[in-house]
Amino acid sequence: MPQKTEAELKKSIKEGGLERLYFLYGEEKYLVRHYTALLVQKALGKHPSDFNYQSFHASDCSVDELAAAVEALPVFAERKCVRLLDLDAESLTAAELAKWKELLSDLPETTVLVISESTLDFDLKRSSKWKNMLGLLQQAGVTVECANRSGAALES
């Protein structure tokens, strides 16, 4: 899927259904955290069950643990939500990248995976690993860059 703008993401959260994967990144960390929270709330509904929500930090979680969480079925609900904070493509080994490719190629319909770069920064122009990872994420779902806003955007 192509990259969405912040406005398109906002509209789809308000009006539409959910995709299987969202990747939120960019310089505006507040907006990354804000839209992550909105997506989690949209996925879980007004009365979420702790059984259907799992949150991981990439530094404390292996790809296998994440895959197990993503592939688990929801409990008494339509879907579940898995949130991953601060994925670092630079630190992935070739074996881990292969596991990521496998996971992203077959995401279950019952899970919404939200990957949020809430503190980690990266440079797409300088990092081939990040370019490759972003390409994989764009094929699997929605990617949104929360960039710094200009003066006109701040006024609206």
N, C-alpha and C. Protein backbone atom coordinates (compact mmCIF):
# COMPACT_ATOMS: atom_id res chain seq x y z
N MET A 1 0.84 -1.17 0.00
CA MET A 1 0.00 0.00 0.00
C MET A 1 0.89 1.24 0.00
N PRO A 2 0.43 2.26 -0.64
CA PRO A 2 1.24 3.48 -0.63
C PRO A 2 1.22 4.14 0.74
N GLN A 3 2.19 5.00 0.93
CA GLN A 3 2.26 5.75 2.18
C GLN A 3 1.06 6.69 2.27
N LYS A 4 0.46 6.79 3.46
CA LYS A 4 -0.66 7.70 3.68
C LYS A 4 -0.17 8.96 4.36
N THR A 5 -0.92 10.02 4.14
CA THR A 5 -0.64 11.26 4.85
C THR A 5 -1.33 11.21 6.21
N GLU A 6 -0.95 12.14 7.05
CA GLU A 6 -1.58 12.23 8.36
C GLU A 6 -3.09 12.47 8.23
N ALA A 7 -3.48 13.32 7.30
CA ALA A 7 -4.90 13.61 7.08
C ALA A 7 -5.66 12.36 6.63
N GLU A 8 -5.06 11.57 5.75
CA GLU A 8 -5.70 10.33 5.29
C GLU A 8 -5.84 9.34 6.43
N LEU A 9 -4.83 9.26 7.29
CA LEU A 9 -4.90 8.37 8.45
C LEU A 9 -6.02 8.81 9.38
N LYS A 10 -6.07 10.09 9.66
CA LYS A 10 -7.09 10.64 10.55
C LYS A 10 -8.49 10.31 10.02
N LYS A 11 -8.69 10.49 8.71
CA LYS A 11 -9.98 10.20 8.09
C LYS A 11 -10.31 8.72 8.16
N SER A 12 -9.34 7.86 7.89
CA SER A 12 -9.62 6.42 7.92
C SER A 12 -9.90 5.92 9.33
N ILE A 13 -9.26 6.52 10.34
CA ILE A 13 -9.56 6.14 11.72
C ILE A 13 -10.99 6.54 12.07
N LYS A 14 -11.38 7.71 11.63
CA LYS A 14 -12.71 8.23 11.95
C LYS A 14 -13.82 7.50 11.22
N GLU A 15 -13.60 7.20 9.93
CA GLU A 15 -14.68 6.70 9.08
C GLU A 15 -14.58 5.22 8.72
N GLY A 16 -13.38 4.76 8.46
CA GLY A 16 -13.25 3.47 7.81
C GLY A 16 -12.90 2.31 8.72
N GLY A 17 -12.65 1.20 8.07
CA GLY A 17 -12.22 0.00 8.77
C GLY A 17 -10.73 0.07 9.05
N LEU A 18 -10.24 -1.00 9.57
CA LEU A 18 -8.82 -1.06 9.95
C LEU A 18 -8.05 -1.97 9.02
N GLU A 19 -6.81 -1.61 8.78
CA GLU A 19 -5.88 -2.46 8.04
C GLU A 19 -5.23 -3.42 9.03
N ARG A 20 -4.47 -4.36 8.52
CA ARG A 20 -3.79 -5.33 9.38
C ARG A 20 -2.52 -4.77 10.01
N LEU A 21 -1.92 -3.77 9.36
CA LEU A 21 -0.65 -3.23 9.83
C LEU A 21 -0.63 -1.72 9.66
N TYR A 22 -0.11 -1.06 10.69
CA TYR A 22 0.17 0.38 10.64
C TYR A 22 1.59 0.60 11.13
N PHE A 23 2.34 1.41 10.40
CA PHE A 23 3.69 1.79 10.82
C PHE A 23 3.72 3.31 10.89
N LEU A 24 3.92 3.84 12.10
CA LEU A 24 3.92 5.28 12.34
C LEU A 24 5.32 5.71 12.75
N TYR A 25 5.83 6.73 12.06
CA TYR A 25 7.18 7.20 12.34
C TYR A 25 7.27 8.68 11.98
N GLY A 26 8.37 9.30 12.35
CA GLY A 26 8.61 10.68 11.96
C GLY A 26 9.12 11.53 13.10
N GLU A 27 9.38 12.80 12.78
CA GLU A 27 9.97 13.73 13.73
C GLU A 27 8.99 14.16 14.82
N GLU A 28 7.70 14.18 14.52
CA GLU A 28 6.69 14.60 15.49
C GLU A 28 6.29 13.40 16.37
N LYS A 29 7.06 13.16 17.39
CA LYS A 29 6.84 11.99 18.25
C LYS A 29 5.50 12.06 18.98
N TYR A 30 5.06 13.28 19.32
CA TYR A 30 3.74 13.40 19.95
C TYR A 30 2.66 12.85 19.03
N LEU A 31 2.71 13.20 17.75
CA LEU A 31 1.71 12.71 16.80
C LEU A 31 1.81 11.20 16.60
N VAL A 32 3.01 10.67 16.60
CA VAL A 32 3.18 9.22 16.49
C VAL A 32 2.47 8.54 17.66
N ARG A 33 2.71 9.04 18.88
CA ARG A 33 2.06 8.46 20.07
C ARG A 33 0.54 8.67 20.03
N HIS A 34 0.11 9.84 19.58
CA HIS A 34 -1.32 10.16 19.52
C HIS A 34 -2.06 9.21 18.57
N TYR A 35 -1.55 9.06 17.36
CA TYR A 35 -2.22 8.20 16.38
C TYR A 35 -2.10 6.72 16.75
N THR A 36 -1.02 6.35 17.43
CA THR A 36 -0.91 4.98 17.93
C THR A 36 -2.04 4.70 18.91
N ALA A 37 -2.26 5.61 19.84
CA ALA A 37 -3.33 5.45 20.83
C ALA A 37 -4.71 5.39 20.16
N LEU A 38 -4.93 6.24 19.15
CA LEU A 38 -6.21 6.22 18.43
C LEU A 38 -6.43 4.89 17.71
N LEU A 39 -5.39 4.37 17.09
CA LEU A 39 -5.50 3.09 16.37
C LEU A 39 -5.79 1.94 17.34
N VAL A 40 -5.10 1.94 18.48
CA VAL A 40 -5.34 0.89 19.48
C VAL A 40 -6.78 0.97 19.97
N GLN A 41 -7.25 2.18 20.25
CA GLN A 41 -8.63 2.36 20.72
C GLN A 41 -9.63 1.92 19.65
N LYS A 42 -9.37 2.27 18.40
CA LYS A 42 -10.27 1.88 17.30
C LYS A 42 -10.30 0.35 17.15
N ALA A 43 -9.15 -0.28 17.28
CA ALA A 43 -9.07 -1.74 17.12
C ALA A 43 -9.77 -2.49 18.24
N LEU A 44 -9.68 -1.96 19.46
CA LEU A 44 -10.20 -2.69 20.62
C LEU A 44 -11.61 -2.28 21.02
N GLY A 45 -12.07 -1.14 20.57
CA GLY A 45 -13.42 -0.70 20.92
C GLY A 45 -13.46 0.05 22.24
N LYS A 46 -14.67 0.35 22.66
CA LYS A 46 -14.86 1.16 23.87
C LYS A 46 -14.57 0.38 25.15
N HIS A 47 -14.79 -0.90 25.13
CA HIS A 47 -14.59 -1.73 26.33
C HIS A 47 -13.57 -2.83 26.03
N PRO A 48 -12.29 -2.46 25.97
CA PRO A 48 -11.28 -3.44 25.58
C PRO A 48 -11.04 -4.50 26.64
N SER A 49 -10.68 -5.65 26.16
CA SER A 49 -10.30 -6.76 27.03
C SER A 49 -8.78 -6.85 27.06
N ASP A 50 -8.24 -7.07 28.24
CA ASP A 50 -6.79 -7.22 28.36
C ASP A 50 -6.29 -8.43 27.58
N PHE A 51 -7.16 -9.38 27.32
CA PHE A 51 -6.76 -10.57 26.58
C PHE A 51 -6.43 -10.24 25.12
N ASN A 52 -7.02 -9.17 24.61
CA ASN A 52 -6.90 -8.86 23.19
C ASN A 52 -5.95 -7.72 22.89
N TYR A 53 -5.13 -7.33 23.86
CA TYR A 53 -4.16 -6.27 23.64
C TYR A 53 -2.81 -6.68 24.21
N GLN A 54 -1.79 -6.61 23.37
CA GLN A 54 -0.43 -6.89 23.81
C GLN A 54 0.47 -5.79 23.30
N SER A 55 1.35 -5.33 24.18
CA SER A 55 2.28 -4.27 23.83
C SER A 55 3.69 -4.72 24.12
N PHE A 56 4.59 -4.48 23.18
CA PHE A 56 5.98 -4.89 23.30
C PHE A 56 6.90 -3.73 22.96
N HIS A 57 8.06 -3.73 23.56
CA HIS A 57 9.14 -2.84 23.13
C HIS A 57 10.11 -3.71 22.34
N ALA A 58 10.52 -3.26 21.19
CA ALA A 58 11.34 -4.09 20.29
C ALA A 58 12.63 -4.57 20.95
N SER A 59 13.19 -3.80 21.87
CA SER A 59 14.44 -4.22 22.52
C SER A 59 14.22 -5.38 23.49
N ASP A 60 12.97 -5.60 23.91
CA ASP A 60 12.66 -6.67 24.87
C ASP A 60 11.90 -7.83 24.25
N CYS A 61 11.78 -7.84 22.94
CA CYS A 61 10.90 -8.80 22.28
C CYS A 61 11.59 -9.36 21.03
N SER A 62 11.55 -10.67 20.88
CA SER A 62 12.09 -11.28 19.67
C SER A 62 11.01 -11.30 18.58
N VAL A 63 11.41 -11.53 17.37
CA VAL A 63 10.47 -11.62 16.26
C VAL A 63 9.53 -12.80 16.48
N ASP A 64 10.05 -13.89 17.05
CA ASP A 64 9.22 -15.06 17.32
C ASP A 64 8.13 -14.76 18.35
N GLU A 65 8.47 -14.00 19.40
CA GLU A 65 7.47 -13.62 20.40
C GLU A 65 6.40 -12.73 19.78
N LEU A 66 6.84 -11.80 18.96
CA LEU A 66 5.89 -10.92 18.29
C LEU A 66 4.98 -11.72 17.36
N ALA A 67 5.55 -12.63 16.60
CA ALA A 67 4.76 -13.45 15.68
C ALA A 67 3.73 -14.28 16.43
N ALA A 68 4.11 -14.83 17.58
CA ALA A 68 3.17 -15.61 18.38
C ALA A 68 2.00 -14.75 18.84
N ALA A 69 2.30 -13.52 19.25
CA ALA A 69 1.24 -12.61 19.69
C ALA A 69 0.33 -12.23 18.53
N VAL A 70 0.92 -11.93 17.39
CA VAL A 70 0.14 -11.53 16.22
C VAL A 70 -0.75 -12.66 15.73
N GLU A 71 -0.26 -13.87 15.76
CA GLU A 71 -0.99 -15.01 15.22
C GLU A 71 -2.01 -15.60 16.19
N ALA A 72 -1.97 -15.21 17.46
CA ALA A 72 -2.94 -15.71 18.43
C ALA A 72 -4.32 -15.14 18.11
N LEU A 73 -5.34 -15.95 18.33
CA LEU A 73 -6.70 -15.52 18.04
C LEU A 73 -7.23 -14.62 19.15
N PRO A 74 -8.14 -13.71 18.81
CA PRO A 74 -8.74 -12.86 19.84
C PRO A 74 -9.67 -13.68 20.74
N VAL A 75 -9.86 -13.19 21.96
CA VAL A 75 -10.72 -13.87 22.94
C VAL A 75 -12.03 -13.09 23.04
N PHE A 76 -13.13 -13.73 22.65
CA PHE A 76 -14.46 -13.14 22.72
C PHE A 76 -14.53 -11.75 22.08
N ALA A 77 -13.87 -11.57 20.98
CA ALA A 77 -13.86 -10.29 20.27
C ALA A 77 -13.62 -10.53 18.79
N GLU A 78 -13.90 -9.50 18.01
CA GLU A 78 -13.70 -9.56 16.56
C GLU A 78 -12.23 -9.56 16.19
N ARG A 79 -11.46 -8.77 16.94
CA ARG A 79 -10.03 -8.65 16.63
C ARG A 79 -9.24 -8.37 17.88
N LYS A 80 -7.93 -8.48 17.73
CA LYS A 80 -7.01 -8.11 18.79
C LYS A 80 -6.02 -7.09 18.24
N CYS A 81 -5.29 -6.45 19.14
CA CYS A 81 -4.33 -5.43 18.73
C CYS A 81 -2.98 -5.74 19.38
N VAL A 82 -1.93 -5.68 18.58
CA VAL A 82 -0.57 -5.86 19.07
C VAL A 82 0.19 -4.59 18.71
N ARG A 83 0.83 -3.99 19.72
CA ARG A 83 1.60 -2.77 19.52
C ARG A 83 3.07 -3.06 19.74
N LEU A 84 3.90 -2.61 18.81
CA LEU A 84 5.35 -2.76 18.93
C LEU A 84 5.97 -1.37 18.91
N LEU A 85 6.74 -1.06 19.93
CA LEU A 85 7.39 0.24 20.04
C LEU A 85 8.84 0.15 19.62
N ASP A 86 9.27 1.11 18.83
CA ASP A 86 10.67 1.36 18.50
C ASP A 86 11.41 0.20 17.86
N LEU A 87 10.85 -0.29 16.77
CA LEU A 87 11.54 -1.27 15.94
C LEU A 87 12.82 -0.64 15.40
N ASP A 88 13.93 -1.36 15.49
CA ASP A 88 15.21 -0.84 15.00
C ASP A 88 15.72 -1.75 13.89
N ALA A 89 15.47 -1.35 12.66
CA ALA A 89 15.88 -2.16 11.50
C ALA A 89 17.39 -2.30 11.42
N GLU A 90 18.12 -1.32 11.92
CA GLU A 90 19.59 -1.37 11.88
C GLU A 90 20.14 -2.55 12.69
N SER A 91 19.45 -2.94 13.74
CA SER A 91 19.97 -3.99 14.61
C SER A 91 19.52 -5.39 14.21
N LEU A 92 18.70 -5.51 13.18
CA LEU A 92 18.20 -6.83 12.77
C LEU A 92 19.27 -7.64 12.03
N THR A 93 19.37 -8.90 12.40
CA THR A 93 20.26 -9.81 11.68
C THR A 93 19.54 -10.30 10.42
N ALA A 94 20.24 -10.97 9.56
CA ALA A 94 19.64 -11.51 8.34
C ALA A 94 18.54 -12.52 8.67
N ALA A 95 18.77 -13.33 9.70
CA ALA A 95 17.77 -14.32 10.11
C ALA A 95 16.51 -13.63 10.65
N GLU A 96 16.70 -12.57 11.43
CA GLU A 96 15.54 -11.84 11.97
C GLU A 96 14.78 -11.15 10.85
N LEU A 97 15.49 -10.60 9.89
CA LEU A 97 14.84 -9.95 8.76
C LEU A 97 14.02 -10.97 7.95
N ALA A 98 14.53 -12.17 7.80
CA ALA A 98 13.78 -13.22 7.11
C ALA A 98 12.50 -13.56 7.87
N LYS A 99 12.58 -13.59 9.19
CA LYS A 99 11.39 -13.85 10.00
C LYS A 99 10.38 -12.71 9.87
N TRP A 100 10.88 -11.47 9.82
CA TRP A 100 10.00 -10.32 9.61
C TRP A 100 9.28 -10.44 8.27
N LYS A 101 10.01 -10.81 7.22
CA LYS A 101 9.40 -10.98 5.90
C LYS A 101 8.29 -12.02 5.95
N GLU A 102 8.55 -13.11 6.63
CA GLU A 102 7.55 -14.18 6.75
C GLU A 102 6.32 -13.68 7.51
N LEU A 103 6.54 -13.00 8.62
CA LEU A 103 5.43 -12.49 9.42
C LEU A 103 4.59 -11.50 8.63
N LEU A 104 5.25 -10.55 7.96
CA LEU A 104 4.53 -9.50 7.24
C LEU A 104 3.82 -10.02 5.99
N SER A 105 4.29 -11.12 5.45
CA SER A 105 3.66 -11.65 4.24
C SER A 105 2.33 -12.33 4.52
N ASP A 106 2.07 -12.68 5.78
CA ASP A 106 0.85 -13.42 6.09
C ASP A 106 0.26 -12.96 7.43
N LEU A 107 -0.09 -11.69 7.52
CA LEU A 107 -0.71 -11.17 8.74
C LEU A 107 -2.17 -11.64 8.82
N PRO A 108 -2.59 -12.13 9.98
CA PRO A 108 -3.97 -12.60 10.10
C PRO A 108 -4.98 -11.46 10.07
N GLU A 109 -6.18 -11.75 9.59
CA GLU A 109 -7.24 -10.75 9.51
C GLU A 109 -7.76 -10.36 10.89
N THR A 110 -7.51 -11.17 11.88
CA THR A 110 -8.05 -10.93 13.22
C THR A 110 -7.15 -10.06 14.09
N THR A 111 -6.02 -9.61 13.55
CA THR A 111 -5.08 -8.82 14.34
C THR A 111 -4.75 -7.51 13.64
N VAL A 112 -4.67 -6.45 14.43
CA VAL A 112 -4.16 -5.17 13.96
C VAL A 112 -2.80 -4.98 14.63
N LEU A 113 -1.75 -4.92 13.83
CA LEU A 113 -0.39 -4.72 14.32
C LEU A 113 -0.04 -3.25 14.12
N VAL A 114 0.28 -2.56 15.22
CA VAL A 114 0.65 -1.15 15.17
C VAL A 114 2.12 -1.04 15.59
N ILE A 115 2.96 -0.65 14.65
CA ILE A 115 4.38 -0.46 14.94
C ILE A 115 4.62 1.05 15.01
N SER A 116 5.12 1.47 16.15
CA SER A 116 5.22 2.90 16.45
C SER A 116 6.64 3.27 16.81
N GLU A 117 7.21 4.19 16.05
CA GLU A 117 8.55 4.71 16.35
C GLU A 117 8.40 5.93 17.25
N SER A 118 8.07 5.69 18.52
CA SER A 118 7.72 6.79 19.42
C SER A 118 8.94 7.51 20.00
N THR A 119 10.11 6.90 19.96
CA THR A 119 11.32 7.58 20.44
C THR A 119 12.50 7.41 19.48
N LEU A 120 12.49 6.39 18.67
CA LEU A 120 13.62 6.08 17.80
C LEU A 120 13.56 6.91 16.52
N ASP A 121 14.70 7.47 16.14
CA ASP A 121 14.82 8.21 14.88
C ASP A 121 15.71 7.42 13.92
N PHE A 122 15.45 7.55 12.63
CA PHE A 122 16.29 6.92 11.62
C PHE A 122 16.30 7.79 10.38
N ASP A 123 17.29 7.58 9.55
CA ASP A 123 17.45 8.37 8.33
C ASP A 123 17.30 7.45 7.12
N LEU A 124 16.19 7.58 6.42
CA LEU A 124 15.93 6.73 5.25
C LEU A 124 16.93 6.96 4.13
N LYS A 125 17.50 8.15 4.06
CA LYS A 125 18.44 8.47 2.98
C LYS A 125 19.77 7.76 3.18
N ARG A 126 20.11 7.46 4.42
CA ARG A 126 21.42 6.87 4.70
C ARG A 126 21.38 5.39 5.04
N SER A 127 20.22 4.86 5.32
CA SER A 127 20.14 3.49 5.80
C SER A 127 19.43 2.57 4.80
N SER A 128 20.17 1.66 4.24
CA SER A 128 19.57 0.71 3.30
C SER A 128 18.69 -0.29 4.04
N LYS A 129 19.04 -0.61 5.29
CA LYS A 129 18.20 -1.53 6.07
C LYS A 129 16.83 -0.93 6.32
N TRP A 130 16.79 0.37 6.63
CA TRP A 130 15.51 1.02 6.86
C TRP A 130 14.72 1.15 5.56
N LYS A 131 15.38 1.40 4.46
CA LYS A 131 14.68 1.47 3.17
C LYS A 131 14.02 0.13 2.87
N ASN A 132 14.76 -0.96 3.09
CA ASN A 132 14.21 -2.29 2.85
C ASN A 132 13.05 -2.59 3.79
N MET A 133 13.21 -2.25 5.07
CA MET A 133 12.14 -2.51 6.04
C MET A 133 10.91 -1.69 5.71
N LEU A 134 11.09 -0.43 5.34
CA LEU A 134 9.94 0.41 4.99
C LEU A 134 9.22 -0.16 3.77
N GLY A 135 9.98 -0.68 2.81
CA GLY A 135 9.35 -1.32 1.65
C GLY A 135 8.51 -2.52 2.05
N LEU A 136 9.02 -3.34 2.95
CA LEU A 136 8.26 -4.50 3.45
C LEU A 136 6.99 -4.06 4.17
N LEU A 137 7.12 -3.04 5.00
CA LEU A 137 5.98 -2.55 5.77
C LEU A 137 4.92 -1.93 4.84
N GLN A 138 5.36 -1.24 3.80
CA GLN A 138 4.41 -0.64 2.86
C GLN A 138 3.66 -1.70 2.07
N GLN A 139 4.31 -2.82 1.76
CA GLN A 139 3.63 -3.92 1.06
C GLN A 139 2.58 -4.57 1.95
N ALA A 140 2.84 -4.61 3.26
CA ALA A 140 1.97 -5.33 4.18
C ALA A 140 0.83 -4.48 4.73
N GLY A 141 1.00 -3.15 4.75
CA GLY A 141 -0.03 -2.32 5.38
C GLY A 141 0.17 -0.85 5.12
N VAL A 142 -0.22 -0.05 6.09
CA VAL A 142 -0.21 1.41 5.98
C VAL A 142 0.99 1.99 6.71
N THR A 143 1.71 2.87 6.04
CA THR A 143 2.80 3.59 6.68
C THR A 143 2.46 5.08 6.66
N VAL A 144 2.77 5.76 7.77
CA VAL A 144 2.47 7.18 7.89
C VAL A 144 3.66 7.88 8.53
N GLU A 145 4.14 8.92 7.86
CA GLU A 145 5.20 9.74 8.43
C GLU A 145 4.58 10.96 9.07
N CYS A 146 4.84 11.14 10.35
CA CYS A 146 4.38 12.32 11.09
C CYS A 146 5.52 13.32 11.11
N ALA A 147 5.58 14.13 10.06
CA ALA A 147 6.68 15.08 9.89
C ALA A 147 6.38 16.37 10.63
N ASN A 148 7.43 17.16 10.81
CA ASN A 148 7.25 18.49 11.41
C ASN A 148 6.28 19.28 10.57
N ARG A 149 5.44 20.03 11.24
CA ARG A 149 4.44 20.83 10.56
C ARG A 149 4.98 22.22 10.26
N SER A 150 4.51 22.76 9.14
CA SER A 150 4.88 24.14 8.78
C SER A 150 3.94 25.11 9.50
N GLY A 151 4.21 26.38 9.36
CA GLY A 151 3.39 27.39 10.02
C GLY A 151 1.92 27.32 9.66
N ALA A 152 1.60 27.12 8.38
CA ALA A 152 0.21 27.03 7.93
C ALA A 152 -0.49 25.82 8.54
N ALA A 153 0.20 24.69 8.61
CA ALA A 153 -0.39 23.48 9.18
C ALA A 153 -0.61 23.62 10.68
N LEU A 154 0.24 24.36 11.34
CA LEU A 154 0.08 24.56 12.78
C LEU A 154 -1.11 25.43 13.12
N GLU A 155 -1.47 26.32 12.20
CA GLU A 155 -2.61 27.21 12.44
C GLU A 155 -3.94 26.53 12.32
N SER A 156 -4.03 25.48 11.52
CA SER A 156 -5.32 24.82 11.29
C SER A 156 -5.67 23.82 12.36
